[in-house]
Amino acid sequence: MRSDHPRPERRTLLRIALALGTATAVRLIAADPASTPTRPAPTAGTLPAAAAGPPASVRGRPSPYRLAPMTGHAPPRFRPARPPVRIRPFEHLPDLGHSMVLSFDDGPDPRYTPDILATLRRHRVRAMFFVCGEMAESNPDLLREMADDGHVVGNHSWSHPLIPKLSRAAIRDELGRTSEAVDRTIGEPPLWYRAPYGAWNRNSFEIGAALGMEPMAWTVDTLDWETPGTGTIVRRVLDGAAPGVVVLSHDAGGDRSQSVAALSRYLPRLLERGYRVTVPHRV
């Protein structure tokens, strides 16, 4: 189990990177298919599992949930985020071969995230979790569980605001506080971030790059926040399945019981079709 105490040198580097406005040069590779997530044995000092029921900080979401995502503009190949920074997020990951990426936004939430983690663990696959800082701070045990199982923990801002309406200072606070919260809990800051509502702007790209993060959007939106029914969510994922696809779902921000149930149905079917469900890594 990784330490939940902050490491001064990491936080110092994080702040220096933000001040300088430069991004870490990175290389993107696929995760090792031979390595599978397992639950570590409890050790002394390990925090208990999340209690049933939502934390006081669970927030509702506005009805018009998302702006139209950017589509058709994915970069042709992975490159380090150096100035001039990206002007489009990644929307699919073709270099992963016959693979797909499952991603979950807004958590962690003790009502739904544990069941999603259990399903992923049962099928021995990894996913990306774009967490909100205030949710991560309220549920550090779930954040550690994500990291221990080999999932990618990404930055989804602190409070899920509409980024283009914020000043640079406010964007820096939303992203920087979340990166520091993740770093304190799992021992490393996020390398990926996703704008709430899919609403990006130049300031967010620049500040994200300064924090050493790459922007990740999605290819297939399950629209699970509309609670359209478990079968509809399953159909949307299976109909959109293709190599390099990034699927967007949610593990918080409302009633996500349909999202939990749908995952247990479409994930084994994706694996039966020969897809490798994996995550991108930056090293």
Protein backbone atom coordinates (compact mmCIF):
# COMPACT_ATOMS: atom_id res chain seq x y z
CA MET A 1 0.00 0.00 0.00
CA ARG A 2 1.42 3.34 -0.95
CA SER A 3 1.90 6.03 1.66
CA ASP A 4 -0.83 8.62 2.01
CA HIS A 5 1.61 11.22 3.33
CA PRO A 6 2.77 14.02 1.01
CA ARG A 7 6.27 13.88 -0.35
CA PRO A 8 7.79 17.39 -0.14
CA GLU A 9 10.06 16.94 -3.11
CA ARG A 10 7.19 15.91 -5.42
CA ARG A 11 5.03 18.81 -4.34
CA THR A 12 7.94 21.22 -4.81
CA LEU A 13 8.58 19.91 -8.33
CA LEU A 14 4.88 20.18 -9.11
CA ARG A 15 4.82 23.82 -8.10
CA ILE A 16 8.03 24.58 -10.00
CA ALA A 17 6.62 22.97 -13.13
CA LEU A 18 3.47 25.05 -12.85
CA ALA A 19 5.42 28.26 -12.33
CA LEU A 20 7.67 27.64 -15.29
CA GLY A 21 4.80 26.69 -17.59
CA THR A 22 6.67 23.73 -19.04
CA ALA A 23 5.53 20.14 -19.47
CA THR A 24 7.44 16.98 -18.79
CA ALA A 25 8.64 15.22 -21.91
CA VAL A 26 7.06 11.81 -21.98
CA ARG A 27 6.67 8.74 -24.12
CA LEU A 28 3.38 6.89 -24.40
CA ILE A 29 3.26 3.10 -24.36
CA ALA A 30 0.62 0.43 -23.84
CA ALA A 31 0.36 -1.28 -20.48
CA ASP A 32 1.99 -4.68 -20.09
CA PRO A 33 -0.77 -7.22 -20.95
CA ALA A 34 0.88 -9.89 -18.82
CA SER A 35 0.53 -7.85 -15.66
CA THR A 36 -2.87 -8.00 -14.00
CA PRO A 37 -4.35 -6.02 -11.10
CA THR A 38 -4.58 -7.71 -7.75
CA ARG A 39 -5.74 -6.61 -4.34
CA PRO A 40 -2.81 -6.23 -1.94
CA ALA A 41 -2.99 -7.89 1.45
CA PRO A 42 -3.88 -5.49 4.29
CA THR A 43 -0.91 -4.15 6.19
CA ALA A 44 -0.53 -2.26 9.41
CA GLY A 45 -1.82 1.26 9.05
CA THR A 46 -4.04 0.43 6.08
CA LEU A 47 -7.23 2.45 6.12
CA PRO A 48 -10.54 0.54 6.30
CA ALA A 49 -12.73 0.04 3.26
CA ALA A 50 -15.15 2.83 2.37
CA ALA A 51 -18.29 2.90 4.47
CA ALA A 52 -21.65 2.40 2.81
CA GLY A 53 -23.50 5.52 1.77
CA PRO A 54 -22.35 8.73 0.10
CA PRO A 55 -20.00 11.24 1.70
CA ALA A 56 -21.30 14.65 2.59
CA SER A 57 -19.35 16.11 -0.33
CA VAL A 58 -21.16 14.20 -3.10
CA ARG A 59 -22.48 16.83 -5.46
CA GLY A 60 -25.28 16.94 -7.94
CA ARG A 61 -24.71 17.95 -11.53
CA PRO A 62 -26.44 20.55 -13.69
CA SER A 63 -29.00 19.15 -16.11
CA PRO A 64 -27.27 20.17 -19.38
CA TYR A 65 -24.35 17.92 -18.48
CA ARG A 66 -21.89 18.36 -21.26
CA LEU A 67 -20.93 20.60 -24.13
CA ALA A 68 -20.50 18.93 -27.51
CA PRO A 69 -17.20 17.02 -27.47
CA MET A 70 -14.50 17.81 -29.99
CA THR A 71 -14.39 15.02 -32.55
CA GLY A 72 -12.29 14.28 -35.59
CA HIS A 73 -9.25 16.26 -34.48
CA ALA A 74 -7.14 13.74 -32.60
CA PRO A 75 -3.39 14.19 -33.07
CA PRO A 76 -1.94 11.69 -35.56
CA ARG A 77 0.55 10.32 -33.02
CA PHE A 78 1.58 10.72 -29.41
CA ARG A 79 4.06 13.51 -28.69
CA PRO A 80 5.29 15.20 -25.52
CA ALA A 81 3.28 18.21 -24.39
CA ARG A 82 5.82 20.96 -24.99
CA PRO A 83 5.16 24.58 -25.87
CA PRO A 84 3.38 25.34 -28.07
CA VAL A 85 1.00 23.07 -26.18
CA ARG A 86 -1.82 21.01 -27.64
CA ILE A 87 -4.93 22.71 -28.93
CA ARG A 88 -6.94 19.47 -29.04
CA PRO A 89 -7.23 16.62 -26.55
CA PHE A 90 -6.58 13.00 -27.42
CA GLU A 91 -9.89 11.40 -28.43
CA HIS A 92 -8.74 7.95 -29.43
CA LEU A 93 -5.54 5.95 -29.04
CA PRO A 94 -4.81 4.11 -32.27
CA ASP A 95 -1.29 3.11 -31.22
CA LEU A 96 -2.75 0.69 -28.66
CA GLY A 97 -3.60 -1.85 -31.37
CA HIS A 98 -6.71 -4.01 -30.97
CA SER A 99 -7.45 -2.42 -27.63
CA MET A 100 -10.00 -0.16 -26.02
CA VAL A 101 -9.83 2.20 -23.05
CA LEU A 102 -12.63 2.45 -20.49
CA SER A 103 -12.77 5.69 -18.51
CA PHE A 104 -14.87 6.86 -15.58
CA ASP A 105 -15.40 10.47 -14.49
CA ASP A 106 -16.41 12.43 -11.38
CA GLY A 107 -15.53 9.96 -8.60
CA PRO A 108 -14.53 8.32 -6.49
CA ASP A 109 -17.94 7.64 -4.91
CA PRO A 110 -18.34 4.91 -2.26
CA ARG A 111 -21.80 4.07 -3.62
CA TYR A 112 -20.58 3.02 -7.08
CA THR A 113 -16.79 3.06 -7.46
CA PRO A 114 -16.18 -0.11 -5.37
CA ASP A 115 -18.46 -2.19 -7.61
CA ILE A 116 -16.79 -0.84 -10.73
CA LEU A 117 -13.37 -1.66 -9.30
CA ALA A 118 -14.57 -5.16 -8.38
CA THR A 119 -15.83 -5.82 -11.93
CA LEU A 120 -12.58 -4.60 -13.48
CA ARG A 121 -10.61 -6.74 -11.05
CA ARG A 122 -12.73 -9.82 -11.78
CA HIS A 123 -11.93 -9.51 -15.48
CA ARG A 124 -8.30 -8.56 -14.83
CA VAL A 125 -8.37 -5.31 -16.79
CA ARG A 126 -7.44 -1.70 -16.11
CA ALA A 127 -9.27 1.57 -16.71
CA MET A 128 -8.80 5.32 -16.36
CA PHE A 129 -10.48 7.22 -13.51
CA PHE A 130 -10.68 10.99 -13.91
CA VAL A 131 -11.30 12.11 -10.36
CA CYS A 132 -12.58 15.38 -8.93
CA GLY A 133 -10.26 16.70 -6.25
CA GLU A 134 -12.91 17.20 -3.59
CA MET A 135 -14.20 13.65 -4.13
CA ALA A 136 -10.67 12.23 -4.05
CA GLU A 137 -9.89 14.09 -0.84
CA SER A 138 -13.06 12.72 0.79
CA ASN A 139 -12.40 9.14 -0.35
CA PRO A 140 -8.62 8.55 -0.23
CA ASP A 141 -9.05 4.82 0.37
CA LEU A 142 -10.80 4.42 -2.99
CA LEU A 143 -8.08 6.46 -4.69
CA ARG A 144 -5.44 4.14 -3.25
CA GLU A 145 -7.47 1.13 -4.37
CA MET A 146 -7.49 2.47 -7.93
CA ALA A 147 -3.73 2.92 -7.89
CA ASP A 148 -3.07 -0.45 -6.23
CA ASP A 149 -5.09 -2.20 -8.92
CA GLY A 150 -3.02 -0.54 -11.65
CA HIS A 151 -5.65 1.88 -12.92
CA VAL A 152 -4.69 5.31 -14.24
CA VAL A 153 -5.82 8.14 -11.96
CA GLY A 154 -6.44 11.31 -13.95
CA ASN A 155 -7.32 14.90 -13.06
CA HIS A 156 -10.92 16.07 -13.62
CA SER A 157 -10.57 19.41 -11.78
CA TRP A 158 -11.38 20.09 -8.14
CA SER A 159 -15.10 20.98 -8.26
CA HIS A 160 -16.22 20.21 -11.85
CA PRO A 161 -16.64 23.82 -13.09
CA LEU A 162 -17.11 25.04 -16.65
CA ILE A 163 -13.44 25.73 -17.40
CA PRO A 164 -13.82 28.40 -20.14
CA LYS A 165 -15.65 30.63 -17.66
CA LEU A 166 -12.71 30.62 -15.23
CA SER A 167 -9.69 32.89 -15.03
CA ARG A 168 -6.21 31.44 -15.48
CA ALA A 169 -5.68 31.65 -11.73
CA ALA A 170 -8.90 29.74 -11.08
CA ILE A 171 -8.02 27.05 -13.63
CA ARG A 172 -4.58 26.71 -12.05
CA ASP A 173 -6.24 26.28 -8.66
CA GLU A 174 -8.74 23.67 -9.93
CA LEU A 175 -6.10 21.55 -11.65
CA GLY A 176 -3.21 22.18 -9.27
CA ARG A 177 -5.15 21.39 -6.08
CA THR A 178 -6.41 18.14 -7.63
CA SER A 179 -2.95 17.07 -8.74
CA GLU A 180 -1.60 17.76 -5.26
CA ALA A 181 -4.46 15.81 -3.63
CA VAL A 182 -3.76 12.81 -5.86
CA ASP A 183 -0.01 13.07 -5.20
CA ARG A 184 -0.56 13.17 -1.44
CA THR A 185 -2.69 10.04 -1.54
CA ILE A 186 -1.03 7.71 -4.07
CA GLY A 187 2.48 9.14 -4.17
CA GLU A 188 2.45 10.55 -7.69
CA PRO A 189 0.54 13.31 -9.50
CA PRO A 190 -1.74 12.62 -12.49
CA LEU A 191 -0.26 12.47 -15.97
CA TRP A 192 -3.65 12.89 -17.71
CA TYR A 193 -6.53 15.31 -17.29
CA ARG A 194 -10.02 15.73 -18.70
CA ALA A 195 -11.98 18.98 -18.77
CA PRO A 196 -15.43 18.86 -17.13
CA TYR A 197 -18.20 18.80 -19.75
CA GLY A 198 -15.52 18.31 -22.41
CA ALA A 199 -15.10 22.11 -22.41
CA TRP A 200 -11.46 22.96 -23.06
CA ASN A 201 -9.73 26.25 -23.76
CA ARG A 202 -6.21 27.46 -24.41
CA ASN A 203 -5.62 28.31 -20.78
CA SER A 204 -6.52 24.80 -19.67
CA PHE A 205 -4.19 23.23 -22.23
CA GLU A 206 -1.31 25.48 -21.16
CA ILE A 207 -1.83 25.00 -17.44
CA GLY A 208 -2.36 21.25 -17.83
CA ALA A 209 0.89 21.01 -19.77
CA ALA A 210 2.67 23.05 -17.11
CA LEU A 211 1.55 20.45 -14.58
CA GLY A 212 2.95 17.66 -16.76
CA MET A 213 -0.42 16.36 -17.93
CA GLU A 214 -1.77 15.34 -21.33
CA PRO A 215 -5.43 16.11 -22.20
CA MET A 216 -7.72 13.12 -22.76
CA ALA A 217 -11.22 13.34 -24.23
CA TRP A 218 -13.22 10.34 -25.49
CA THR A 219 -14.52 8.58 -28.59
CA VAL A 220 -17.72 6.95 -27.32
CA ASP A 221 -19.97 8.80 -24.85
CA THR A 222 -22.32 6.36 -23.12
CA LEU A 223 -24.49 9.27 -21.93
CA ASP A 224 -24.97 7.24 -18.77
CA TRP A 225 -25.59 10.45 -16.82
CA GLU A 226 -29.02 10.52 -18.51
CA THR A 227 -29.80 7.11 -16.92
CA PRO A 228 -31.11 5.80 -20.27
CA GLY A 229 -31.29 2.20 -19.03
CA THR A 230 -28.63 -0.45 -18.57
CA GLY A 231 -29.36 -2.07 -21.94
CA THR A 232 -28.96 1.23 -23.78
CA ILE A 233 -25.58 1.88 -22.17
CA VAL A 234 -24.45 -1.63 -23.09
CA ARG A 235 -25.58 -1.18 -26.69
CA ARG A 236 -23.80 2.17 -27.04
CA VAL A 237 -20.50 0.68 -25.91
CA LEU A 238 -20.76 -2.42 -28.09
CA ASP A 239 -21.92 -0.45 -31.15
CA GLY A 240 -19.03 1.99 -30.71
CA ALA A 241 -16.38 -0.65 -30.05
CA ALA A 242 -13.32 -0.36 -32.29
CA PRO A 243 -9.54 -0.40 -31.90
CA GLY A 244 -8.26 2.66 -30.05
CA VAL A 245 -11.67 3.76 -28.81
CA VAL A 246 -11.93 5.62 -25.48
CA VAL A 247 -15.27 5.05 -23.72
CA LEU A 248 -16.68 7.68 -21.36
CA SER A 249 -18.77 6.61 -18.35
CA HIS A 250 -19.23 7.93 -14.81
CA ASP A 251 -18.82 6.51 -11.33
CA ALA A 252 -20.20 9.56 -9.47
CA GLY A 253 -22.22 12.74 -9.94
CA GLY A 254 -25.65 11.13 -9.68
CA ASP A 255 -27.30 7.70 -9.70
CA ARG A 256 -24.71 5.51 -11.41
CA SER A 257 -26.29 2.11 -10.68
CA GLN A 258 -27.02 1.64 -14.40
CA SER A 259 -23.37 2.38 -15.22
CA VAL A 260 -22.27 -0.25 -12.71
CA ALA A 261 -24.67 -2.87 -14.08
CA ALA A 262 -23.82 -2.08 -17.70
CA LEU A 263 -20.08 -2.55 -17.12
CA SER A 264 -20.64 -6.09 -15.85
CA ARG A 265 -22.49 -6.86 -19.10
CA TYR A 266 -20.45 -5.16 -21.83
CA LEU A 267 -16.94 -5.82 -20.46
CA PRO A 268 -17.03 -9.63 -20.87
CA ARG A 269 -18.53 -9.20 -24.33
CA LEU A 270 -15.70 -6.87 -25.37
CA LEU A 271 -13.19 -9.44 -24.16
CA GLU A 272 -15.01 -12.20 -26.03
CA ARG A 273 -14.69 -10.11 -29.20
CA GLY A 274 -10.93 -10.14 -28.73
CA TYR A 275 -10.47 -6.61 -27.46
CA ARG A 276 -7.73 -5.92 -24.97
CA VAL A 277 -9.09 -3.45 -22.42
CA THR A 278 -6.09 -1.48 -21.23
CA VAL A 279 -4.77 1.97 -20.37
CA PRO A 280 -2.16 4.28 -21.85
CA HIS A 281 0.99 4.86 -19.84
CA ARG A 282 3.49 7.69 -20.04
CA VAL A 283 7.07 6.97 -19.05
